Each structure stands twice: as structure tokens, then as C-alpha cells.
Amino acid sequence: MADAATPLSRTTCLIHVDRPATARCPGCGTFYCGECITEHDGKLTCARCLSTERELPEETASRLSLPVMPVVHLAIAIVVCWGTFYAMAQTLASLPDQFHDGTIWESAPSAENEGEAETGGGADE
């Protein structure tokens, strides 16, 4: 393997010794030609480092897991909606039955009757 301080122009590919190296793998530090190096996630990587990187189980598991925050936001939205509708239902249920029948308005004194009651009977006196 070539020394890390060796210029790229004086190195050859580890696999194809007759070809000049075009890149150095940041994982293992080995020099490779253009055919042997691969770009993955924005960086050049050799096939060996790429295969060991893909074998990590926790990295694969984290990509497949369900995002937590959208689930939490959905649960909060459901609870808020349920609470709102529950409070509205309790308010409607606490109203008297006469209100639902429409008969509560018949027993309420009208504005004309209240005025007569305050003056003492009306125009007859």
C-alpha cells in the first residue's frame, strides 16, 4: 500500500496495478482506479468498505423504523379532536329537555309581559 503522503499521481490501483489511481478510499485509505471506486452518500468508497458499511444492522434498522414525531403529532391531534367533541357533547347533554323540545320558549316571559308587570298592570289603571 502506498504511504498517505504519497501524491496521487505516483500511485496505482490496488486491484489493477497497471492503472494509475484516481481516488483514495477514506475508509481504508487505499488507492483505487476509476473502475474500483464508487460514490456512495456523497463520498467515494471502495467496494470492501461499502459492503462492510451495509452490513451494520443498526443503520439498516434505523432507516426502516417508523418516524416517531409524526406518530406523536397524530396522537395529539386525535386526542384534541376527541376532547373538543366530548366537551361539546357534554354541553349539549347538560341542557334541559325543554330546550331540545322547543317548549322552553313558551314558558319564558315575553318582553311585553315583563313591561306590564313592572308598571303595575298596563293601560287599564
N, C-alpha and C. Protein backbone atom coordinates (compact mmCIF):
# COMPACT_ATOMS: atom_id res chain seq x y z
N MET A 1 0.85 -1.16 0.00
CA MET A 1 0.00 0.00 0.00
C MET A 1 0.90 1.23 0.00
N ALA A 2 0.45 2.27 -0.66
CA ALA A 2 1.23 3.50 -0.74
C ALA A 2 1.08 4.29 0.55
N ASP A 3 2.09 5.10 0.85
CA ASP A 3 2.08 5.94 2.04
C ASP A 3 1.02 7.03 1.87
N ALA A 4 0.46 7.52 2.98
CA ALA A 4 -0.58 8.54 2.93
C ALA A 4 -0.06 9.85 2.36
N ALA A 5 1.26 10.11 2.50
CA ALA A 5 1.84 11.35 1.99
C ALA A 5 2.22 11.25 0.52
N THR A 6 2.10 10.07 -0.09
CA THR A 6 2.45 9.89 -1.49
C THR A 6 1.43 10.60 -2.36
N PRO A 7 1.89 11.38 -3.34
CA PRO A 7 0.95 12.06 -4.23
C PRO A 7 0.15 11.05 -5.05
N LEU A 8 -1.05 11.42 -5.39
CA LEU A 8 -1.95 10.53 -6.13
C LEU A 8 -1.39 10.19 -7.50
N SER A 9 -0.63 11.09 -8.10
CA SER A 9 -0.08 10.84 -9.44
C SER A 9 0.96 9.73 -9.46
N ARG A 10 1.56 9.40 -8.32
CA ARG A 10 2.59 8.36 -8.28
C ARG A 10 2.06 7.02 -7.76
N THR A 11 0.79 6.90 -7.56
CA THR A 11 0.23 5.66 -7.04
C THR A 11 -0.54 4.91 -8.12
N THR A 12 -0.73 3.63 -7.88
CA THR A 12 -1.50 2.79 -8.79
C THR A 12 -2.65 2.16 -8.02
N CYS A 13 -3.59 1.61 -8.78
CA CYS A 13 -4.75 0.95 -8.20
C CYS A 13 -4.31 -0.32 -7.47
N LEU A 14 -4.91 -0.62 -6.35
CA LEU A 14 -4.58 -1.81 -5.58
C LEU A 14 -4.95 -3.07 -6.36
N ILE A 15 -6.05 -3.05 -7.07
CA ILE A 15 -6.51 -4.22 -7.81
C ILE A 15 -5.91 -4.28 -9.21
N HIS A 16 -5.91 -3.16 -9.93
CA HIS A 16 -5.35 -3.08 -11.29
C HIS A 16 -4.02 -2.33 -11.21
N VAL A 17 -2.93 -3.05 -11.06
CA VAL A 17 -1.63 -2.41 -10.82
C VAL A 17 -1.10 -1.67 -12.04
N ASP A 18 -1.63 -1.94 -13.21
CA ASP A 18 -1.17 -1.24 -14.41
C ASP A 18 -1.92 0.08 -14.64
N ARG A 19 -2.89 0.40 -13.82
CA ARG A 19 -3.66 1.64 -13.97
C ARG A 19 -3.29 2.63 -12.87
N PRO A 20 -3.27 3.91 -13.19
CA PRO A 20 -2.98 4.91 -12.15
C PRO A 20 -4.20 5.09 -11.24
N ALA A 21 -3.92 5.40 -10.01
CA ALA A 21 -5.01 5.61 -9.05
C ALA A 21 -5.66 6.96 -9.31
N THR A 22 -6.98 6.98 -9.18
CA THR A 22 -7.72 8.23 -9.37
C THR A 22 -8.35 8.73 -8.08
N ALA A 23 -8.44 7.87 -7.07
CA ALA A 23 -9.05 8.28 -5.81
C ALA A 23 -8.53 7.42 -4.67
N ARG A 24 -8.69 7.93 -3.48
CA ARG A 24 -8.29 7.21 -2.28
C ARG A 24 -9.53 7.00 -1.42
N CYS A 25 -9.75 5.79 -0.99
CA CYS A 25 -10.91 5.47 -0.15
C CYS A 25 -10.71 6.09 1.23
N PRO A 26 -11.66 6.88 1.70
CA PRO A 26 -11.50 7.49 3.03
C PRO A 26 -11.64 6.49 4.17
N GLY A 27 -12.27 5.35 3.91
CA GLY A 27 -12.46 4.36 4.95
C GLY A 27 -11.20 3.59 5.27
N CYS A 28 -10.59 3.01 4.23
CA CYS A 28 -9.41 2.17 4.46
C CYS A 28 -8.11 2.86 4.04
N GLY A 29 -8.19 3.96 3.30
CA GLY A 29 -7.00 4.69 2.89
C GLY A 29 -6.27 4.09 1.70
N THR A 30 -6.89 3.17 0.99
CA THR A 30 -6.27 2.51 -0.15
C THR A 30 -6.59 3.28 -1.42
N PHE A 31 -5.62 3.26 -2.38
CA PHE A 31 -5.80 3.95 -3.65
C PHE A 31 -6.45 3.01 -4.66
N TYR A 32 -7.37 3.57 -5.47
CA TYR A 32 -8.09 2.78 -6.47
C TYR A 32 -8.22 3.56 -7.77
N CYS A 33 -8.44 2.82 -8.86
CA CYS A 33 -8.69 3.46 -10.16
C CYS A 33 -10.17 3.84 -10.25
N GLY A 34 -10.56 4.44 -11.34
CA GLY A 34 -11.94 4.90 -11.52
C GLY A 34 -12.96 3.79 -11.54
N GLU A 35 -12.56 2.58 -11.98
CA GLU A 35 -13.50 1.46 -12.02
C GLU A 35 -13.71 0.83 -10.65
N CYS A 36 -12.75 0.93 -9.79
CA CYS A 36 -12.83 0.25 -8.49
C CYS A 36 -13.44 1.11 -7.39
N ILE A 37 -13.55 2.39 -7.60
CA ILE A 37 -14.08 3.28 -6.57
C ILE A 37 -15.53 3.62 -6.91
N THR A 38 -16.36 3.79 -5.91
CA THR A 38 -17.79 4.06 -6.10
C THR A 38 -18.20 5.24 -5.24
N GLU A 39 -19.09 6.06 -5.78
CA GLU A 39 -19.63 7.17 -4.98
C GLU A 39 -20.86 6.68 -4.24
N HIS A 40 -20.86 6.88 -2.94
CA HIS A 40 -21.99 6.47 -2.11
C HIS A 40 -22.20 7.50 -1.02
N ASP A 41 -23.41 8.04 -0.93
CA ASP A 41 -23.75 9.08 0.05
C ASP A 41 -22.82 10.29 -0.05
N GLY A 42 -22.47 10.65 -1.26
CA GLY A 42 -21.67 11.84 -1.49
C GLY A 42 -20.18 11.69 -1.27
N LYS A 43 -19.70 10.47 -1.04
CA LYS A 43 -18.25 10.28 -0.87
C LYS A 43 -17.81 9.06 -1.68
N LEU A 44 -16.56 9.07 -2.09
CA LEU A 44 -16.00 7.95 -2.84
C LEU A 44 -15.60 6.85 -1.87
N THR A 45 -16.03 5.62 -2.15
CA THR A 45 -15.78 4.49 -1.26
C THR A 45 -15.43 3.27 -2.10
N CYS A 46 -14.55 2.43 -1.57
CA CYS A 46 -14.23 1.18 -2.26
C CYS A 46 -15.32 0.15 -1.98
N ALA A 47 -15.36 -0.91 -2.76
CA ALA A 47 -16.40 -1.93 -2.62
C ALA A 47 -16.30 -2.64 -1.27
N ARG A 48 -15.10 -2.85 -0.78
CA ARG A 48 -14.93 -3.53 0.50
C ARG A 48 -15.52 -2.70 1.65
N CYS A 49 -15.21 -1.42 1.69
CA CYS A 49 -15.74 -0.55 2.75
C CYS A 49 -17.26 -0.38 2.60
N LEU A 50 -17.74 -0.34 1.36
CA LEU A 50 -19.17 -0.21 1.12
C LEU A 50 -19.92 -1.44 1.62
N SER A 51 -19.36 -2.63 1.40
CA SER A 51 -20.03 -3.86 1.85
C SER A 51 -20.01 -3.97 3.38
N THR A 52 -18.94 -3.56 4.03
CA THR A 52 -18.92 -3.61 5.50
C THR A 52 -19.83 -2.55 6.09
N GLU A 53 -19.98 -1.44 5.39
CA GLU A 53 -20.87 -0.38 5.87
C GLU A 53 -22.33 -0.82 5.78
N ARG A 54 -22.68 -1.59 4.78
CA ARG A 54 -24.06 -2.04 4.61
C ARG A 54 -24.41 -3.19 5.54
N GLU A 55 -23.43 -3.86 6.11
CA GLU A 55 -23.70 -4.98 7.00
C GLU A 55 -24.08 -4.54 8.41
N LEU A 56 -23.96 -3.27 8.72
CA LEU A 56 -24.28 -2.80 10.06
C LEU A 56 -25.79 -2.89 10.30
N PRO A 57 -26.23 -3.66 11.27
CA PRO A 57 -27.67 -3.85 11.47
C PRO A 57 -28.39 -2.62 12.02
N GLU A 58 -27.74 -1.84 12.90
CA GLU A 58 -28.43 -0.69 13.47
C GLU A 58 -28.68 0.40 12.45
N GLU A 59 -27.81 0.52 11.45
CA GLU A 59 -28.04 1.53 10.42
C GLU A 59 -29.23 1.14 9.56
N THR A 60 -29.34 -0.12 9.23
CA THR A 60 -30.47 -0.60 8.44
C THR A 60 -31.76 -0.50 9.24
N ALA A 61 -31.70 -0.83 10.50
CA ALA A 61 -32.90 -0.79 11.33
C ALA A 61 -33.40 0.63 11.50
N SER A 62 -32.51 1.59 11.61
CA SER A 62 -32.94 2.97 11.80
C SER A 62 -33.60 3.52 10.54
N ARG A 63 -33.21 3.04 9.38
CA ARG A 63 -33.83 3.51 8.15
C ARG A 63 -35.23 2.93 7.97
N LEU A 64 -35.47 1.74 8.49
CA LEU A 64 -36.75 1.08 8.31
C LEU A 64 -37.76 1.42 9.39
N SER A 65 -37.31 1.98 10.49
CA SER A 65 -38.23 2.26 11.59
C SER A 65 -39.15 3.42 11.24
N LEU A 66 -40.31 3.43 11.87
CA LEU A 66 -41.30 4.46 11.66
C LEU A 66 -40.87 5.74 12.38
N PRO A 67 -40.94 6.88 11.72
CA PRO A 67 -40.57 8.12 12.40
C PRO A 67 -41.50 8.37 13.60
N VAL A 68 -40.92 8.81 14.69
CA VAL A 68 -41.67 8.93 15.94
C VAL A 68 -42.51 10.20 15.98
N MET A 69 -41.95 11.32 15.58
CA MET A 69 -42.65 12.59 15.74
C MET A 69 -43.96 12.67 14.96
N PRO A 70 -44.06 12.22 13.71
CA PRO A 70 -45.37 12.26 13.05
C PRO A 70 -46.42 11.42 13.77
N VAL A 71 -46.02 10.31 14.36
CA VAL A 71 -46.96 9.48 15.10
C VAL A 71 -47.42 10.21 16.36
N VAL A 72 -46.50 10.89 17.04
CA VAL A 72 -46.85 11.66 18.24
C VAL A 72 -47.80 12.80 17.88
N HIS A 73 -47.51 13.50 16.77
CA HIS A 73 -48.37 14.60 16.34
C HIS A 73 -49.77 14.10 16.00
N LEU A 74 -49.86 12.96 15.34
CA LEU A 74 -51.16 12.38 15.01
C LEU A 74 -51.93 12.02 16.28
N ALA A 75 -51.25 11.44 17.25
CA ALA A 75 -51.91 11.07 18.51
C ALA A 75 -52.42 12.31 19.24
N ILE A 76 -51.63 13.37 19.26
CA ILE A 76 -52.06 14.61 19.92
C ILE A 76 -53.27 15.20 19.20
N ALA A 77 -53.27 15.19 17.88
CA ALA A 77 -54.40 15.72 17.11
C ALA A 77 -55.67 14.92 17.38
N ILE A 78 -55.55 13.61 17.46
CA ILE A 78 -56.72 12.77 17.74
C ILE A 78 -57.26 13.07 19.13
N VAL A 79 -56.39 13.21 20.12
CA VAL A 79 -56.83 13.49 21.49
C VAL A 79 -57.50 14.86 21.57
N VAL A 80 -56.95 15.86 20.89
CA VAL A 80 -57.54 17.21 20.92
C VAL A 80 -58.92 17.19 20.26
N CYS A 81 -59.05 16.53 19.12
CA CYS A 81 -60.36 16.45 18.45
C CYS A 81 -61.36 15.70 19.31
N TRP A 82 -60.95 14.60 19.90
CA TRP A 82 -61.85 13.83 20.76
C TRP A 82 -62.29 14.68 21.95
N GLY A 83 -61.36 15.39 22.57
CA GLY A 83 -61.70 16.23 23.72
C GLY A 83 -62.66 17.34 23.36
N THR A 84 -62.47 17.94 22.18
CA THR A 84 -63.36 19.01 21.73
C THR A 84 -64.78 18.48 21.53
N PHE A 85 -64.91 17.38 20.82
CA PHE A 85 -66.23 16.82 20.58
C PHE A 85 -66.87 16.31 21.87
N TYR A 86 -66.09 15.78 22.77
CA TYR A 86 -66.61 15.31 24.06
C TYR A 86 -67.15 16.49 24.87
N ALA A 87 -66.41 17.59 24.90
CA ALA A 87 -66.87 18.78 25.64
C ALA A 87 -68.15 19.34 25.03
N MET A 88 -68.23 19.35 23.70
CA MET A 88 -69.45 19.84 23.05
C MET A 88 -70.63 18.93 23.37
N ALA A 89 -70.41 17.63 23.37
CA ALA A 89 -71.49 16.69 23.67
C ALA A 89 -71.94 16.84 25.12
N GLN A 90 -71.02 17.05 26.05
CA GLN A 90 -71.39 17.24 27.45
C GLN A 90 -72.20 18.52 27.63
N THR A 91 -71.84 19.56 26.89
CA THR A 91 -72.58 20.82 26.97
C THR A 91 -74.01 20.62 26.47
N LEU A 92 -74.16 19.95 25.34
CA LEU A 92 -75.50 19.71 24.81
C LEU A 92 -76.31 18.79 25.72
N ALA A 93 -75.65 17.82 26.32
CA ALA A 93 -76.36 16.90 27.21
C ALA A 93 -76.80 17.58 28.50
N SER A 94 -76.10 18.63 28.92
CA SER A 94 -76.46 19.31 30.16
C SER A 94 -77.62 20.29 29.99
N LEU A 95 -78.02 20.57 28.77
CA LEU A 95 -79.16 21.47 28.54
C LEU A 95 -80.45 20.77 28.96
N PRO A 96 -81.43 21.51 29.46
CA PRO A 96 -82.70 20.88 29.89
C PRO A 96 -83.46 20.30 28.70
N ASP A 97 -84.33 19.35 28.99
CA ASP A 97 -85.09 18.69 27.94
C ASP A 97 -86.02 19.65 27.22
N GLN A 98 -86.54 20.64 27.93
CA GLN A 98 -87.45 21.59 27.29
C GLN A 98 -86.75 22.37 26.18
N PHE A 99 -85.46 22.57 26.32
CA PHE A 99 -84.71 23.28 25.28
C PHE A 99 -84.68 22.46 24.00
N HIS A 100 -84.52 21.16 24.15
CA HIS A 100 -84.47 20.29 22.98
C HIS A 100 -85.85 20.17 22.32
N ASP A 101 -86.92 20.19 23.13
CA ASP A 101 -88.27 20.09 22.58
C ASP A 101 -88.71 21.38 21.91
N GLY A 102 -88.15 22.47 22.32
CA GLY A 102 -88.57 23.77 21.81
C GLY A 102 -89.64 24.40 22.67
N THR A 103 -89.99 23.76 23.78
CA THR A 103 -91.04 24.29 24.65
C THR A 103 -90.52 25.25 25.70
N ILE A 104 -89.23 25.38 25.85
CA ILE A 104 -88.67 26.32 26.84
C ILE A 104 -89.02 27.76 26.49
N TRP A 105 -89.21 28.03 25.21
CA TRP A 105 -89.50 29.39 24.78
C TRP A 105 -90.96 29.77 25.10
N GLU A 106 -91.82 28.76 25.24
CA GLU A 106 -93.21 29.04 25.58
C GLU A 106 -93.35 29.46 27.04
N SER A 107 -92.53 28.90 27.91
CA SER A 107 -92.63 29.22 29.33
C SER A 107 -91.86 30.49 29.71
N ALA A 108 -91.03 30.98 28.85
CA ALA A 108 -90.26 32.19 29.14
C ALA A 108 -91.17 33.40 29.00
N PRO A 109 -91.08 34.36 29.91
CA PRO A 109 -91.93 35.56 29.79
C PRO A 109 -91.48 36.40 28.61
N SER A 110 -92.44 36.94 27.89
CA SER A 110 -92.11 37.77 26.73
C SER A 110 -91.75 39.17 27.21
N ALA A 111 -91.21 39.97 26.34
CA ALA A 111 -90.79 41.33 26.69
C ALA A 111 -92.00 42.21 26.98
N GLU A 112 -93.13 41.99 26.30
CA GLU A 112 -94.32 42.80 26.54
C GLU A 112 -94.90 42.51 27.92
N ASN A 113 -94.91 41.24 28.31
CA ASN A 113 -95.45 40.89 29.62
C ASN A 113 -94.58 41.42 30.75
N GLU A 114 -93.28 41.46 30.55
CA GLU A 114 -92.38 41.99 31.57
C GLU A 114 -92.60 43.48 31.77
N GLY A 115 -92.82 44.22 30.68
CA GLY A 115 -93.06 45.67 30.79
C GLY A 115 -94.33 45.97 31.54
N GLU A 116 -95.36 45.19 31.33
CA GLU A 116 -96.62 45.40 32.03
C GLU A 116 -96.49 45.06 33.50
N ALA A 117 -95.70 44.05 33.80
CA ALA A 117 -95.54 43.65 35.19
C ALA A 117 -94.79 44.71 35.98
N GLU A 118 -93.87 45.39 35.37
CA GLU A 118 -93.09 46.41 36.06
C GLU A 118 -93.92 47.67 36.32
N THR A 119 -94.79 48.06 35.40
CA THR A 119 -95.56 49.29 35.57
C THR A 119 -96.78 49.10 36.45
N GLY A 120 -97.11 47.88 36.69
CA GLY A 120 -98.22 47.65 37.61
C GLY A 120 -99.50 47.28 36.90
N GLY A 121 -99.46 46.79 35.72
CA GLY A 121 -100.68 46.30 35.11
C GLY A 121 -100.96 46.83 33.74
N GLY A 122 -100.49 47.92 33.35
CA GLY A 122 -100.69 48.36 31.97
C GLY A 122 -101.55 49.60 31.88
N ALA A 123 -102.29 49.76 30.78
CA ALA A 123 -103.04 50.98 30.46
C ALA A 123 -104.40 51.03 31.15
N ASP A 124 -104.90 49.94 31.70
CA ASP A 124 -106.22 49.91 32.31
C ASP A 124 -106.29 50.75 33.58
N GLU A 125 -105.25 50.96 34.25
CA GLU A 125 -105.28 51.65 35.55
C GLU A 125 -105.30 53.10 35.41
